[in-house]
């Protein structure tokens, strides 16, 4: 596969070349945080970023999206009939996405692409997107991707991976799609010194991880015993059910569908939702199977760290990005919850 050394002065030229054929999105600094936005003259990507506040999952599953429209106008032939809202599904490049967020897209795909159903908009957005990843030279102190099947330079799911060599980037194509975009890059073939620097970067980055979790025991825990374990009372004590963790999490995919009507026009809209909210499981009858906070907190962690594990036997539904740890207002740490759930000593009994 193609490998090119691109000086940092030439990155802007590379992006301009990409913009001739694609919409380009990258990490843009705004209001003290980074988010993935369309790159323009006013919105230039900042590749020195640590991580975006919200993951790029919103580019595949919008926070709020109009799905269908309908009219209620009296006498209209199509009165009450749903019409799909036109979608702007152009070819695009995500420039500088972190490997953990790409890992998350793989996990989320299991919800939107099944053996029976496919979400057509999610599938098309994913198919039309080329992912140019940026490896992590300096992982944060809340990062633990190496404990959950990822890594700071993990290549899985990417089309191109960039290694930051201070004065330049070594770009490595990983797919045919990646080769096509990398052919547009202004650069030169890397020399042996560049490859040596890449290997040193990998070693230095992985040595910086402070957290080393073992998730193997989660598969072996008895589901009912874990469900009834009194550890949940400790975990939920501080939680305020704000939903910050679920909205920041790149692997949370829950949504709600609502109809909004104004005069004789109606829209069917899909919105992000959260299992942390009491309304999430409220039945039309008024019954709520998860009316208590402890039930909702348990559901969040059991889904990611036990139900998903048991169903797919492919690791946990967490990529170790650390966002929920960073921004939880009451300092709930998923790493600590993993340790509690992985405890097979059965010592935590009432």
C-alpha atoms as a PDB file:
ATOM      1  CA  UNK A   1       0.000   0.000   0.000  1.00  0.00           C
ATOM      2  CA  UNK A   2       1.061   3.575  -0.714  1.00  0.00           C
ATOM      3  CA  UNK A   3       3.102   5.506   1.879  1.00  0.00           C
ATOM      4  CA  UNK A   4       3.888   9.214   1.552  1.00  0.00           C
ATOM      5  CA  UNK A   5       5.756  11.746   3.680  1.00  0.00           C
ATOM      6  CA  UNK A   6       3.824  15.043   3.761  1.00  0.00           C
ATOM      7  CA  UNK A   7       5.405  18.127   5.306  1.00  0.00           C
ATOM      8  CA  UNK A   8       3.083  20.053   7.590  1.00  0.00           C
ATOM      9  CA  UNK A   9       3.293  23.082   5.314  1.00  0.00           C
ATOM     10  CA  UNK A  10       1.714  20.986   2.549  1.00  0.00           C
ATOM     11  CA  UNK A  11      -1.247  19.666   4.571  1.00  0.00           C
ATOM     12  CA  UNK A  12      -3.416  22.644   3.639  1.00  0.00           C
ATOM     13  CA  UNK A  13      -2.623  22.041  -0.054  1.00  0.00           C
ATOM     14  CA  UNK A  14      -3.614  18.390   0.406  1.00  0.00           C
ATOM     15  CA  UNK A  15      -6.935  19.378   1.944  1.00  0.00           C
ATOM     16  CA  UNK A  16      -7.638  21.851  -0.863  1.00  0.00           C
ATOM     17  CA  UNK A  17      -6.977  19.097  -3.371  1.00  0.00           C
ATOM     18  CA  UNK A  18      -9.373  16.804  -1.542  1.00  0.00           C
ATOM     19  CA  UNK A  19     -12.034  19.536  -1.522  1.00  0.00           C
ATOM     20  CA  UNK A  20     -12.133  19.437  -5.313  1.00  0.00           C
ATOM     21  CA  UNK A  21     -13.833  16.040  -5.082  1.00  0.00           C
ATOM     22  CA  UNK A  22     -15.066  15.680  -1.498  1.00  0.00           C
ATOM     23  CA  UNK A  23     -16.578  17.532   1.384  1.00  0.00           C
ATOM     24  CA  UNK A  24     -13.824  17.545   4.009  1.00  0.00           C
ATOM     25  CA  UNK A  25     -14.528  17.459   7.746  1.00  0.00           C
ATOM     26  CA  UNK A  26     -11.924  17.866  10.447  1.00  0.00           C
ATOM     27  CA  UNK A  27     -11.355  18.821  14.112  1.00  0.00           C
ATOM     28  CA  UNK A  28     -12.154  22.534  14.343  1.00  0.00           C
ATOM     29  CA  UNK A  29     -11.440  24.519  17.506  1.00  0.00           C
ATOM     30  CA  UNK A  30     -14.460  26.449  18.721  1.00  0.00           C
ATOM     31  CA  UNK A  31     -15.187  27.903  22.155  1.00  0.00           C
ATOM     32  CA  UNK A  32     -12.348  26.072  23.852  1.00  0.00           C
ATOM     33  CA  UNK A  33     -13.248  22.652  22.499  1.00  0.00           C
ATOM     34  CA  UNK A  34     -12.913  20.738  19.246  1.00  0.00           C
ATOM     35  CA  UNK A  35     -15.674  19.339  17.082  1.00  0.00           C
ATOM     36  CA  UNK A  36     -15.739  17.753  13.643  1.00  0.00           C
ATOM     37  CA  UNK A  37     -17.041  20.360  11.213  1.00  0.00           C
ATOM     38  CA  UNK A  38     -16.895  21.007   7.500  1.00  0.00           C
ATOM     39  CA  UNK A  39     -13.516  22.515   6.622  1.00  0.00           C
ATOM     40  CA  UNK A  40     -13.747  25.979   5.052  1.00  0.00           C
ATOM     41  CA  UNK A  41     -11.565  29.096   4.918  1.00  0.00           C
ATOM     42  CA  UNK A  42     -13.070  30.117   8.257  1.00  0.00           C
ATOM     43  CA  UNK A  43     -13.012  26.589   9.706  1.00  0.00           C
ATOM     44  CA  UNK A  44      -9.505  25.211   9.436  1.00  0.00           C
ATOM     45  CA  UNK A  45      -8.680  21.869  11.088  1.00  0.00           C
ATOM     46  CA  UNK A  46      -6.485  21.853  14.169  1.00  0.00           C
ATOM     47  CA  UNK A  47      -4.540  18.592  14.065  1.00  0.00           C
ATOM     48  CA  UNK A  48      -2.813  19.361  17.362  1.00  0.00           C
ATOM     49  CA  UNK A  49      -6.057  18.552  19.194  1.00  0.00           C
ATOM     50  CA  UNK A  50      -6.294  15.962  21.977  1.00  0.00           C
ATOM     51  CA  UNK A  51      -9.790  14.723  21.219  1.00  0.00           C
ATOM     52  CA  UNK A  52     -13.080  16.217  20.091  1.00  0.00           C
ATOM     53  CA  UNK A  53     -15.663  16.880  22.801  1.00  0.00           C
ATOM     54  CA  UNK A  54     -18.370  15.083  20.826  1.00  0.00           C
ATOM     55  CA  UNK A  55     -17.312  12.142  18.731  1.00  0.00           C
ATOM     56  CA  UNK A  56     -17.790  12.272  14.932  1.00  0.00           C
ATOM     57  CA  UNK A  57     -20.696   9.793  15.243  1.00  0.00           C
ATOM     58  CA  UNK A  58     -22.999  12.784  14.695  1.00  0.00           C
ATOM     59  CA  UNK A  59     -21.867  12.848  11.060  1.00  0.00           C
ATOM     60  CA  UNK A  60     -23.406   9.394  10.615  1.00  0.00           C
ATOM     61  CA  UNK A  61     -26.275   9.557  13.117  1.00  0.00           C
ATOM     62  CA  UNK A  62     -27.358  13.196  13.398  1.00  0.00           C
ATOM     63  CA  UNK A  63     -28.374  14.576  16.788  1.00  0.00           C
ATOM     64  CA  UNK A  64     -31.662  15.520  15.171  1.00  0.00           C
ATOM     65  CA  UNK A  65     -32.694  14.471  11.683  1.00  0.00           C
ATOM     66  CA  UNK A  66     -35.854  14.934   9.663  1.00  0.00           C
ATOM     67  CA  UNK A  67     -36.670  11.493   8.267  1.00  0.00           C
ATOM     68  CA  UNK A  68     -40.049  11.959   6.584  1.00  0.00           C
ATOM     69  CA  UNK A  69     -42.519  14.727   5.811  1.00  0.00           C
ATOM     70  CA  UNK A  70     -46.278  14.680   5.254  1.00  0.00           C
ATOM     71  CA  UNK A  71     -49.166  16.999   4.697  1.00  0.00           C
ATOM     72  CA  UNK A  72     -52.445  17.153   6.595  1.00  0.00           C
ATOM     73  CA  UNK A  73     -53.956  19.635   4.188  1.00  0.00           C
ATOM     74  CA  UNK A  74     -57.608  18.901   3.519  1.00  0.00           C
ATOM     75  CA  UNK A  75     -58.216  17.608   0.003  1.00  0.00           C
ATOM     76  CA  UNK A  76     -54.573  16.787  -0.707  1.00  0.00           C
ATOM     77  CA  UNK A  77     -54.191  13.495  -2.600  1.00  0.00           C
ATOM     78  CA  UNK A  78     -51.249  12.443  -0.430  1.00  0.00           C
ATOM     79  CA  UNK A  79     -52.746  13.616   2.840  1.00  0.00           C
ATOM     80  CA  UNK A  80     -51.148  11.674   5.708  1.00  0.00           C
ATOM     81  CA  UNK A  81     -48.694   9.833   3.438  1.00  0.00           C
ATOM     82  CA  UNK A  82     -45.035   9.886   4.468  1.00  0.00           C
ATOM     83  CA  UNK A  83     -42.466  11.127   1.953  1.00  0.00           C
ATOM     84  CA  UNK A  84     -38.766  10.630   2.610  1.00  0.00           C
ATOM     85  CA  UNK A  85     -37.010  13.909   3.247  1.00  0.00           C
ATOM     86  CA  UNK A  86     -34.231  14.585   0.747  1.00  0.00           C
ATOM     87  CA  UNK A  87     -30.795  13.894   2.265  1.00  0.00           C
ATOM     88  CA  UNK A  88     -27.521  15.592   1.361  1.00  0.00           C
ATOM     89  CA  UNK A  89     -25.392  12.441   1.113  1.00  0.00           C
ATOM     90  CA  UNK A  90     -22.213  13.556  -0.640  1.00  0.00           C
ATOM     91  CA  UNK A  91     -18.820  11.896  -0.787  1.00  0.00           C
ATOM     92  CA  UNK A  92     -16.698  13.176   2.061  1.00  0.00           C
ATOM     93  CA  UNK A  93     -13.423  12.775   3.917  1.00  0.00           C
ATOM     94  CA  UNK A  94     -13.021  12.815   7.701  1.00  0.00           C
ATOM     95  CA  UNK A  95      -9.534  14.215   8.149  1.00  0.00           C
ATOM     96  CA  UNK A  96      -7.774  13.559  11.459  1.00  0.00           C
ATOM     97  CA  UNK A  97     -10.249  11.194  13.125  1.00  0.00           C
ATOM     98  CA  UNK A  98      -8.789   9.313  16.096  1.00  0.00           C
ATOM     99  CA  UNK A  99      -8.494   5.487  15.960  1.00  0.00           C
ATOM    100  CA  UNK A 100     -10.783   5.098  18.993  1.00  0.00           C
ATOM    101  CA  UNK A 101     -13.606   6.905  17.161  1.00  0.00           C
ATOM    102  CA  UNK A 102     -13.143   4.657  14.123  1.00  0.00           C
ATOM    103  CA  UNK A 103     -13.302   1.632  16.431  1.00  0.00           C
ATOM    104  CA  UNK A 104     -16.599   3.033  17.701  1.00  0.00           C
ATOM    105  CA  UNK A 105     -18.058   3.184  14.177  1.00  0.00           C
ATOM    106  CA  UNK A 106     -17.440  -0.549  13.860  1.00  0.00           C
ATOM    107  CA  UNK A 107     -19.319  -1.202  17.098  1.00  0.00           C
ATOM    108  CA  UNK A 108     -22.209   1.095  16.174  1.00  0.00           C
ATOM    109  CA  UNK A 109     -22.544  -0.598  12.782  1.00  0.00           C
ATOM    110  CA  UNK A 110     -23.865  -3.678  14.554  1.00  0.00           C
ATOM    111  CA  UNK A 111     -26.998  -1.727  15.426  1.00  0.00           C
ATOM    112  CA  UNK A 112     -27.547  -0.146  12.008  1.00  0.00           C
ATOM    113  CA  UNK A 113     -26.531  -3.112   9.832  1.00  0.00           C
ATOM    114  CA  UNK A 114     -28.042  -6.435  10.887  1.00  0.00           C
ATOM    115  CA  UNK A 115     -28.809  -9.661   9.052  1.00  0.00           C
ATOM    116  CA  UNK A 116     -32.419  -8.509   8.655  1.00  0.00           C
ATOM    117  CA  UNK A 117     -32.357  -4.718   8.530  1.00  0.00           C
ATOM    118  CA  UNK A 118     -30.152  -1.888   7.351  1.00  0.00           C
ATOM    119  CA  UNK A 119     -30.488   1.783   8.156  1.00  0.00           C
ATOM    120  CA  UNK A 120     -30.172   3.186   4.601  1.00  0.00           C
ATOM    121  CA  UNK A 121     -28.939   6.623   5.635  1.00  0.00           C
ATOM    122  CA  UNK A 122     -26.310   5.337   8.054  1.00  0.00           C
ATOM    123  CA  UNK A 123     -25.079   2.814   5.469  1.00  0.00           C
ATOM    124  CA  UNK A 124     -24.843   5.371   2.684  1.00  0.00           C
ATOM    125  CA  UNK A 125     -23.084   7.928   4.867  1.00  0.00           C
ATOM    126  CA  UNK A 126     -20.568   5.303   5.930  1.00  0.00           C
ATOM    127  CA  UNK A 127     -20.018   4.089   2.358  1.00  0.00           C
ATOM    128  CA  UNK A 128     -19.528   7.634   1.063  1.00  0.00           C
ATOM    129  CA  UNK A 129     -16.953   8.506   3.749  1.00  0.00           C
ATOM    130  CA  UNK A 130     -13.190   8.091   3.565  1.00  0.00           C
ATOM    131  CA  UNK A 131     -11.506   8.012   6.969  1.00  0.00           C
ATOM    132  CA  UNK A 132      -8.069   9.604   7.326  1.00  0.00           C
ATOM    133  CA  UNK A 133      -6.981   8.830  10.869  1.00  0.00           C
ATOM    134  CA  UNK A 134      -4.482  10.585  13.083  1.00  0.00           C
ATOM    135  CA  UNK A 135      -2.515   8.475  15.551  1.00  0.00           C
ATOM    136  CA  UNK A 136      -2.138   9.553  19.183  1.00  0.00           C
ATOM    137  CA  UNK A 137       1.404  10.503  20.132  1.00  0.00           C
ATOM    138  CA  UNK A 138       0.381  11.443  23.668  1.00  0.00           C
ATOM    139  CA  UNK A 139      -2.702   9.624  25.023  1.00  0.00           C
ATOM    140  CA  UNK A 140      -4.581  11.376  27.802  1.00  0.00           C
ATOM    141  CA  UNK A 141      -4.620  10.190  31.384  1.00  0.00           C
ATOM    142  CA  UNK A 142      -8.253   9.077  30.951  1.00  0.00           C
ATOM    143  CA  UNK A 143      -7.548   7.009  27.824  1.00  0.00           C
ATOM    144  CA  UNK A 144      -7.576   3.212  27.985  1.00  0.00           C
ATOM    145  CA  UNK A 145      -8.065   2.096  24.370  1.00  0.00           C
ATOM    146  CA  UNK A 146      -5.357  -0.578  24.664  1.00  0.00           C
ATOM    147  CA  UNK A 147      -7.446  -2.342  27.319  1.00  0.00           C
ATOM    148  CA  UNK A 148     -10.521  -2.681  25.094  1.00  0.00           C
ATOM    149  CA  UNK A 149      -9.133  -3.913  21.785  1.00  0.00           C
ATOM    150  CA  UNK A 150      -7.809  -0.678  20.323  1.00  0.00           C
ATOM    151  CA  UNK A 151      -4.597   1.298  20.339  1.00  0.00           C
ATOM    152  CA  UNK A 152      -3.187   4.788  19.710  1.00  0.00           C
ATOM    153  CA  UNK A 153      -2.200   3.783  16.164  1.00  0.00           C
ATOM    154  CA  UNK A 154      -4.853   1.136  15.544  1.00  0.00           C
ATOM    155  CA  UNK A 155      -5.431   0.724  11.801  1.00  0.00           C
ATOM    156  CA  UNK A 156      -8.717  -1.202  11.835  1.00  0.00           C
ATOM    157  CA  UNK A 157     -11.487   0.560   9.909  1.00  0.00           C
ATOM    158  CA  UNK A 158      -9.276   3.347   8.591  1.00  0.00           C
ATOM    159  CA  UNK A 159      -8.513   4.133   4.957  1.00  0.00           C
ATOM    160  CA  UNK A 160      -5.398   6.174   5.764  1.00  0.00           C
ATOM    161  CA  UNK A 161      -3.405   6.585   8.975  1.00  0.00           C
ATOM    162  CA  UNK A 162      -1.260   9.650   9.667  1.00  0.00           C
ATOM    163  CA  UNK A 163       1.766   9.508  11.964  1.00  0.00           C
ATOM    164  CA  UNK A 164       2.772  12.903  13.365  1.00  0.00           C
ATOM    165  CA  UNK A 165       6.566  13.175  13.053  1.00  0.00           C
ATOM    166  CA  UNK A 166       6.714  16.785  14.371  1.00  0.00           C
ATOM    167  CA  UNK A 167       7.731  18.430  11.087  1.00  0.00           C
ATOM    168  CA  UNK A 168       5.763  16.133   8.783  1.00  0.00           C
ATOM    169  CA  UNK A 169       3.208  13.350   8.595  1.00  0.00           C
ATOM    170  CA  UNK A 170       3.882   9.873   7.344  1.00  0.00           C
ATOM    171  CA  UNK A 171       0.650   8.873   5.586  1.00  0.00           C
ATOM    172  CA  UNK A 172      -0.038   5.175   5.134  1.00  0.00           C
ATOM    173  CA  UNK A 173      -2.839   3.982   2.854  1.00  0.00           C
ATOM    174  CA  UNK A 174      -4.735   0.982   4.275  1.00  0.00           C
ATOM    175  CA  UNK A 175      -7.438   0.438   1.655  1.00  0.00           C
ATOM    176  CA  UNK A 176      -7.973   1.070  -2.047  1.00  0.00           C
ATOM    177  CA  UNK A 177     -10.153   4.021  -1.104  1.00  0.00           C
ATOM    178  CA  UNK A 178      -7.254   5.335   0.961  1.00  0.00           C
ATOM    179  CA  UNK A 179      -4.819   4.917  -1.912  1.00  0.00           C
ATOM    180  CA  UNK A 180      -7.043   6.981  -4.192  1.00  0.00           C
ATOM    181  CA  UNK A 181      -7.109   9.963  -1.838  1.00  0.00           C
ATOM    182  CA  UNK A 182      -3.432   9.634  -0.953  1.00  0.00           C
ATOM    183  CA  UNK A 183      -2.519   9.891  -4.620  1.00  0.00           C
ATOM    184  CA  UNK A 184      -3.665  13.519  -4.353  1.00  0.00           C
ATOM    185  CA  UNK A 185      -1.210  14.287  -1.567  1.00  0.00           C
ATOM    186  CA  UNK A 186       1.833  16.464  -2.272  1.00  0.00           C
ATOM    187  CA  UNK A 187       4.723  14.544  -0.763  1.00  0.00           C
ATOM    188  CA  UNK A 188       7.612  12.165  -1.244  1.00  0.00           C
ATOM    189  CA  UNK A 189       8.363   8.527  -0.423  1.00  0.00           C
ATOM    190  CA  UNK A 190       9.448   8.107   3.220  1.00  0.00           C
ATOM    191  CA  UNK A 191      12.993   7.037   4.007  1.00  0.00           C
ATOM    192  CA  UNK A 192      14.230   4.518   6.569  1.00  0.00           C
ATOM    193  CA  UNK A 193      14.638   7.277   9.162  1.00  0.00           C
ATOM    194  CA  UNK A 194      10.915   8.094   8.923  1.00  0.00           C
ATOM    195  CA  UNK A 195       9.942   4.448   9.456  1.00  0.00           C
ATOM    196  CA  UNK A 196      12.249   4.257  12.471  1.00  0.00           C
ATOM    197  CA  UNK A 197      10.594   7.342  13.956  1.00  0.00           C
ATOM    198  CA  UNK A 198       7.174   5.738  13.453  1.00  0.00           C
ATOM    199  CA  UNK A 199       8.178   2.614  15.368  1.00  0.00           C
ATOM    200  CA  UNK A 200       9.586   4.742  18.181  1.00  0.00           C
ATOM    201  CA  UNK A 201       6.368   6.788  18.267  1.00  0.00           C
ATOM    202  CA  UNK A 202       4.291   3.644  18.718  1.00  0.00           C
ATOM    203  CA  UNK A 203       6.458   2.372  21.539  1.00  0.00           C
ATOM    204  CA  UNK A 204       6.559   5.742  23.312  1.00  0.00           C
ATOM    205  CA  UNK A 205       2.803   6.245  23.014  1.00  0.00           C
ATOM    206  CA  UNK A 206       1.834   2.832  24.374  1.00  0.00           C
ATOM    207  CA  UNK A 207       4.241   3.244  27.284  1.00  0.00           C
ATOM    208  CA  UNK A 208       2.285   6.322  28.433  1.00  0.00           C
ATOM    209  CA  UNK A 209      -0.935   4.465  29.245  1.00  0.00           C
ATOM    210  CA  UNK A 210      -1.587   4.505  32.964  1.00  0.00           C
ATOM    211  CA  UNK A 211      -4.594   2.182  32.898  1.00  0.00           C
ATOM    212  CA  UNK A 212      -4.362  -1.530  32.131  1.00  0.00           C
ATOM    213  CA  UNK A 213      -7.734  -3.205  32.569  1.00  0.00           C
ATOM    214  CA  UNK A 214      -8.622  -6.864  32.207  1.00  0.00           C
ATOM    215  CA  UNK A 215     -11.996  -7.379  30.541  1.00  0.00           C
ATOM    216  CA  UNK A 216     -11.746 -11.145  30.073  1.00  0.00           C
ATOM    217  CA  UNK A 217     -13.622 -11.893  33.309  1.00  0.00           C
ATOM    218  CA  UNK A 218     -16.736 -10.030  32.129  1.00  0.00           C
ATOM    219  CA  UNK A 219     -17.668 -12.918  29.840  1.00  0.00           C
ATOM    220  CA  UNK A 220     -17.431 -15.380  32.704  1.00  0.00           C
ATOM    221  CA  UNK A 221     -19.605 -13.477  35.168  1.00  0.00           C
ATOM    222  CA  UNK A 222     -23.042 -14.983  35.664  1.00  0.00           C
ATOM    223  CA  UNK A 223     -25.561 -12.577  34.157  1.00  0.00           C
ATOM    224  CA  UNK A 224     -28.165 -12.815  36.916  1.00  0.00           C
ATOM    225  CA  UNK A 225     -25.598 -12.613  39.707  1.00  0.00           C
ATOM    226  CA  UNK A 226     -24.040  -9.532  38.144  1.00  0.00           C
ATOM    227  CA  UNK A 227     -27.462  -7.967  37.585  1.00  0.00           C
ATOM    228  CA  UNK A 228     -28.337  -8.410  41.259  1.00  0.00           C
ATOM    229  CA  UNK A 229     -24.922  -7.498  42.641  1.00  0.00           C
ATOM    230  CA  UNK A 230     -25.141  -4.718  45.291  1.00  0.00           C
ATOM    231  CA  UNK A 231     -22.273  -2.907  43.529  1.00  0.00           C
ATOM    232  CA  UNK A 232     -24.916  -0.955  41.566  1.00  0.00           C
ATOM    233  CA  UNK A 233     -26.007   0.899  44.681  1.00  0.00           C
ATOM    234  CA  UNK A 234     -22.452   2.173  45.090  1.00  0.00           C
ATOM    235  CA  UNK A 235     -22.109   3.115  41.427  1.00  0.00           C
ATOM    236  CA  UNK A 236     -25.424   4.962  41.163  1.00  0.00           C
ATOM    237  CA  UNK A 237     -25.100   6.891  44.419  1.00  0.00           C
ATOM    238  CA  UNK A 238     -23.453   9.977  42.895  1.00  0.00           C
ATOM    239  CA  UNK A 239     -25.140   9.823  39.469  1.00  0.00           C
ATOM    240  CA  UNK A 240     -27.533  12.673  38.650  1.00  0.00           C
ATOM    241  CA  UNK A 241     -28.878  11.113  35.411  1.00  0.00           C
ATOM    242  CA  UNK A 242     -27.749  14.124  33.355  1.00  0.00           C
ATOM    243  CA  UNK A 243     -27.024  11.998  30.272  1.00  0.00           C
ATOM    244  CA  UNK A 244     -23.631  13.626  29.606  1.00  0.00           C
ATOM    245  CA  UNK A 245     -21.944  10.221  29.384  1.00  0.00           C
ATOM    246  CA  UNK A 246     -24.354   8.911  26.749  1.00  0.00           C
ATOM    247  CA  UNK A 247     -24.265  11.994  24.527  1.00  0.00           C
ATOM    248  CA  UNK A 248     -20.459  12.098  24.607  1.00  0.00           C
ATOM    249  CA  UNK A 249     -20.023   8.357  24.128  1.00  0.00           C
ATOM    250  CA  UNK A 250     -19.097   7.379  20.549  1.00  0.00           C
ATOM    251  CA  UNK A 251     -20.747   3.955  20.934  1.00  0.00           C
ATOM    252  CA  UNK A 252     -24.150   5.075  22.257  1.00  0.00           C
ATOM    253  CA  UNK A 253     -26.694   4.740  19.470  1.00  0.00           C
ATOM    254  CA  UNK A 254     -30.092   5.170  21.145  1.00  0.00           C
ATOM    255  CA  UNK A 255     -32.609   7.452  19.472  1.00  0.00           C
ATOM    256  CA  UNK A 256     -36.263   8.396  19.678  1.00  0.00           C
ATOM    257  CA  UNK A 257     -38.652   9.102  16.796  1.00  0.00           C
ATOM    258  CA  UNK A 258     -41.263  11.832  17.161  1.00  0.00           C
ATOM    259  CA  UNK A 259     -43.828  13.525  14.955  1.00  0.00           C
ATOM    260  CA  UNK A 260     -43.891  17.319  14.981  1.00  0.00           C
ATOM    261  CA  UNK A 261     -46.869  19.071  13.381  1.00  0.00           C
ATOM    262  CA  UNK A 262     -47.265  22.753  12.607  1.00  0.00           C
ATOM    263  CA  UNK A 263     -50.554  23.768  11.005  1.00  0.00           C
ATOM    264  CA  UNK A 264     -51.030  21.323   8.103  1.00  0.00           C
ATOM    265  CA  UNK A 265     -47.387  20.188   7.779  1.00  0.00           C
ATOM    266  CA  UNK A 266     -45.861  17.271   9.678  1.00  0.00           C
ATOM    267  CA  UNK A 267     -42.300  16.028  10.147  1.00  0.00           C
ATOM    268  CA  UNK A 268     -41.134  12.695  11.486  1.00  0.00           C
ATOM    269  CA  UNK A 269     -37.851  13.366  13.290  1.00  0.00           C
ATOM    270  CA  UNK A 270     -35.170  11.106  14.770  1.00  0.00           C
ATOM    271  CA  UNK A 271     -33.401  12.503  17.857  1.00  0.00           C
ATOM    272  CA  UNK A 272     -30.626  11.194  20.069  1.00  0.00           C
ATOM    273  CA  UNK A 273     -31.991   9.735  23.299  1.00  0.00           C
ATOM    274  CA  UNK A 274     -30.438   8.423  26.500  1.00  0.00           C
ATOM    275  CA  UNK A 275     -31.080   5.446  28.761  1.00  0.00           C
ATOM    276  CA  UNK A 276     -30.239   7.805  31.639  1.00  0.00           C
ATOM    277  CA  UNK A 277     -33.546   9.651  31.233  1.00  0.00           C
ATOM    278  CA  UNK A 278     -36.687   8.431  33.055  1.00  0.00           C
ATOM    279  CA  UNK A 279     -38.813   8.955  29.932  1.00  0.00           C
ATOM    280  CA  UNK A 280     -36.643   6.570  27.927  1.00  0.00           C
ATOM    281  CA  UNK A 281     -38.555   3.472  29.070  1.00  0.00           C
ATOM    282  CA  UNK A 282     -41.874   5.049  30.059  1.00  0.00           C
ATOM    283  CA  UNK A 283     -44.740   2.994  28.610  1.00  0.00           C
ATOM    284  CA  UNK A 284     -47.932   4.464  27.227  1.00  0.00           C
ATOM    285  CA  UNK A 285     -49.722   2.751  30.108  1.00  0.00           C
ATOM    286  CA  UNK A 286     -47.753   4.838  32.586  1.00  0.00           C
ATOM    287  CA  UNK A 287     -45.647   1.900  33.760  1.00  0.00           C
ATOM    288  CA  UNK A 288     -41.876   2.407  33.732  1.00  0.00           C
ATOM    289  CA  UNK A 289     -39.707  -0.750  34.035  1.00  0.00           C
ATOM    290  CA  UNK A 290     -36.678   1.402  34.906  1.00  0.00           C
ATOM    291  CA  UNK A 291     -38.261   4.068  37.062  1.00  0.00           C
ATOM    292  CA  UNK A 292     -35.428   4.143  39.593  1.00  0.00           C
ATOM    293  CA  UNK A 293     -32.034   5.728  39.017  1.00  0.00           C
ATOM    294  CA  UNK A 294     -30.145   2.606  40.038  1.00  0.00           C
ATOM    295  CA  UNK A 295     -31.946   0.648  37.303  1.00  0.00           C
ATOM    296  CA  UNK A 296     -30.952   3.157  34.644  1.00  0.00           C
ATOM    297  CA  UNK A 297     -27.315   3.310  35.739  1.00  0.00           C
ATOM    298  CA  UNK A 298     -27.149  -0.480  35.794  1.00  0.00           C
ATOM    299  CA  UNK A 299     -28.633  -0.649  32.302  1.00  0.00           C
ATOM    300  CA  UNK A 300     -25.985   1.668  30.855  1.00  0.00           C
ATOM    301  CA  UNK A 301     -23.038  -0.320  32.163  1.00  0.00           C
ATOM    302  CA  UNK A 302     -24.602  -3.762  31.750  1.00  0.00           C
ATOM    303  CA  UNK A 303     -25.377  -3.052  28.105  1.00  0.00           C
ATOM    304  CA  UNK A 304     -21.861  -1.917  27.256  1.00  0.00           C
ATOM    305  CA  UNK A 305     -19.923  -4.320  29.429  1.00  0.00           C
ATOM    306  CA  UNK A 306     -22.064  -7.468  29.718  1.00  0.00           C
ATOM    307  CA  UNK A 307     -25.044  -7.749  27.351  1.00  0.00           C
ATOM    308  CA  UNK A 308     -22.930  -6.726  24.337  1.00  0.00           C
ATOM    309  CA  UNK A 309     -20.109  -9.033  25.444  1.00  0.00           C
ATOM    310  CA  UNK A 310     -22.403 -12.033  25.814  1.00  0.00           C
ATOM    311  CA  UNK A 311     -24.269 -11.405  22.556  1.00  0.00           C
ATOM    312  CA  UNK A 312     -21.326 -10.814  20.213  1.00  0.00           C
ATOM    313  CA  UNK A 313     -18.351 -12.368  22.044  1.00  0.00           C
ATOM    314  CA  UNK A 314     -16.190  -9.602  20.577  1.00  0.00           C
ATOM    315  CA  UNK A 315     -15.110  -7.426  23.477  1.00  0.00           C
ATOM    316  CA  UNK A 316     -16.983  -4.615  25.169  1.00  0.00           C
ATOM    317  CA  UNK A 317     -19.028  -1.796  23.623  1.00  0.00           C
ATOM    318  CA  UNK A 318     -16.496   0.768  24.825  1.00  0.00           C
ATOM    319  CA  UNK A 319     -13.444   2.098  22.982  1.00  0.00           C
ATOM    320  CA  UNK A 320     -11.611   3.669  25.912  1.00  0.00           C
ATOM    321  CA  UNK A 321     -11.768   7.261  24.634  1.00  0.00           C
ATOM    322  CA  UNK A 322     -12.214   8.572  28.190  1.00  0.00           C
ATOM    323  CA  UNK A 323     -14.800  11.240  27.349  1.00  0.00           C
ATOM    324  CA  UNK A 324     -17.292  10.066  29.972  1.00  0.00           C
ATOM    325  CA  UNK A 325     -14.544  10.130  32.613  1.00  0.00           C
ATOM    326  CA  UNK A 326     -13.382  13.610  31.660  1.00  0.00           C
ATOM    327  CA  UNK A 327     -16.759  15.276  31.660  1.00  0.00           C
ATOM    328  CA  UNK A 328     -18.875  13.407  34.209  1.00  0.00           C
ATOM    329  CA  UNK A 329     -19.936  16.167  36.655  1.00  0.00           C
ATOM    330  CA  UNK A 330     -19.845  13.742  39.618  1.00  0.00           C
ATOM    331  CA  UNK A 331     -16.639  11.872  38.660  1.00  0.00           C
ATOM    332  CA  UNK A 332     -18.060   8.433  37.907  1.00  0.00           C
ATOM    333  CA  UNK A 333     -15.225   6.474  36.299  1.00  0.00           C
ATOM    334  CA  UNK A 334     -16.097   3.633  33.906  1.00  0.00           C
ATOM    335  CA  UNK A 335     -12.661   2.105  34.553  1.00  0.00           C
ATOM    336  CA  UNK A 336     -13.615   1.589  38.189  1.00  0.00           C
ATOM    337  CA  UNK A 337     -16.964   0.095  37.158  1.00  0.00           C
ATOM    338  CA  UNK A 338     -15.180  -2.363  34.848  1.00  0.00           C
ATOM    339  CA  UNK A 339     -12.998  -3.452  37.758  1.00  0.00           C
ATOM    340  CA  UNK A 340     -16.049  -3.974  39.980  1.00  0.00           C
ATOM    341  CA  UNK A 341     -17.932  -5.906  37.308  1.00  0.00           C
ATOM    342  CA  UNK A 342     -14.895  -8.043  36.511  1.00  0.00           C
ATOM    343  CA  UNK A 343     -14.496  -9.140  40.115  1.00  0.00           C
ATOM    344  CA  UNK A 344     -15.257 -12.883  40.072  1.00  0.00           C
ATOM    345  CA  UNK A 345     -14.519 -13.439  43.743  1.00  0.00           C
ATOM    346  CA  UNK A 346     -18.257 -13.068  44.497  1.00  0.00           C
ATOM    347  CA  UNK A 347     -17.187 -11.263  47.657  1.00  0.00           C
ATOM    348  CA  UNK A 348     -19.565  -8.390  47.140  1.00  0.00           C
ATOM    349  CA  UNK A 349     -22.640  -9.913  48.747  1.00  0.00           C
ATOM    350  CA  UNK A 350     -25.129  -8.313  51.095  1.00  0.00           C
END
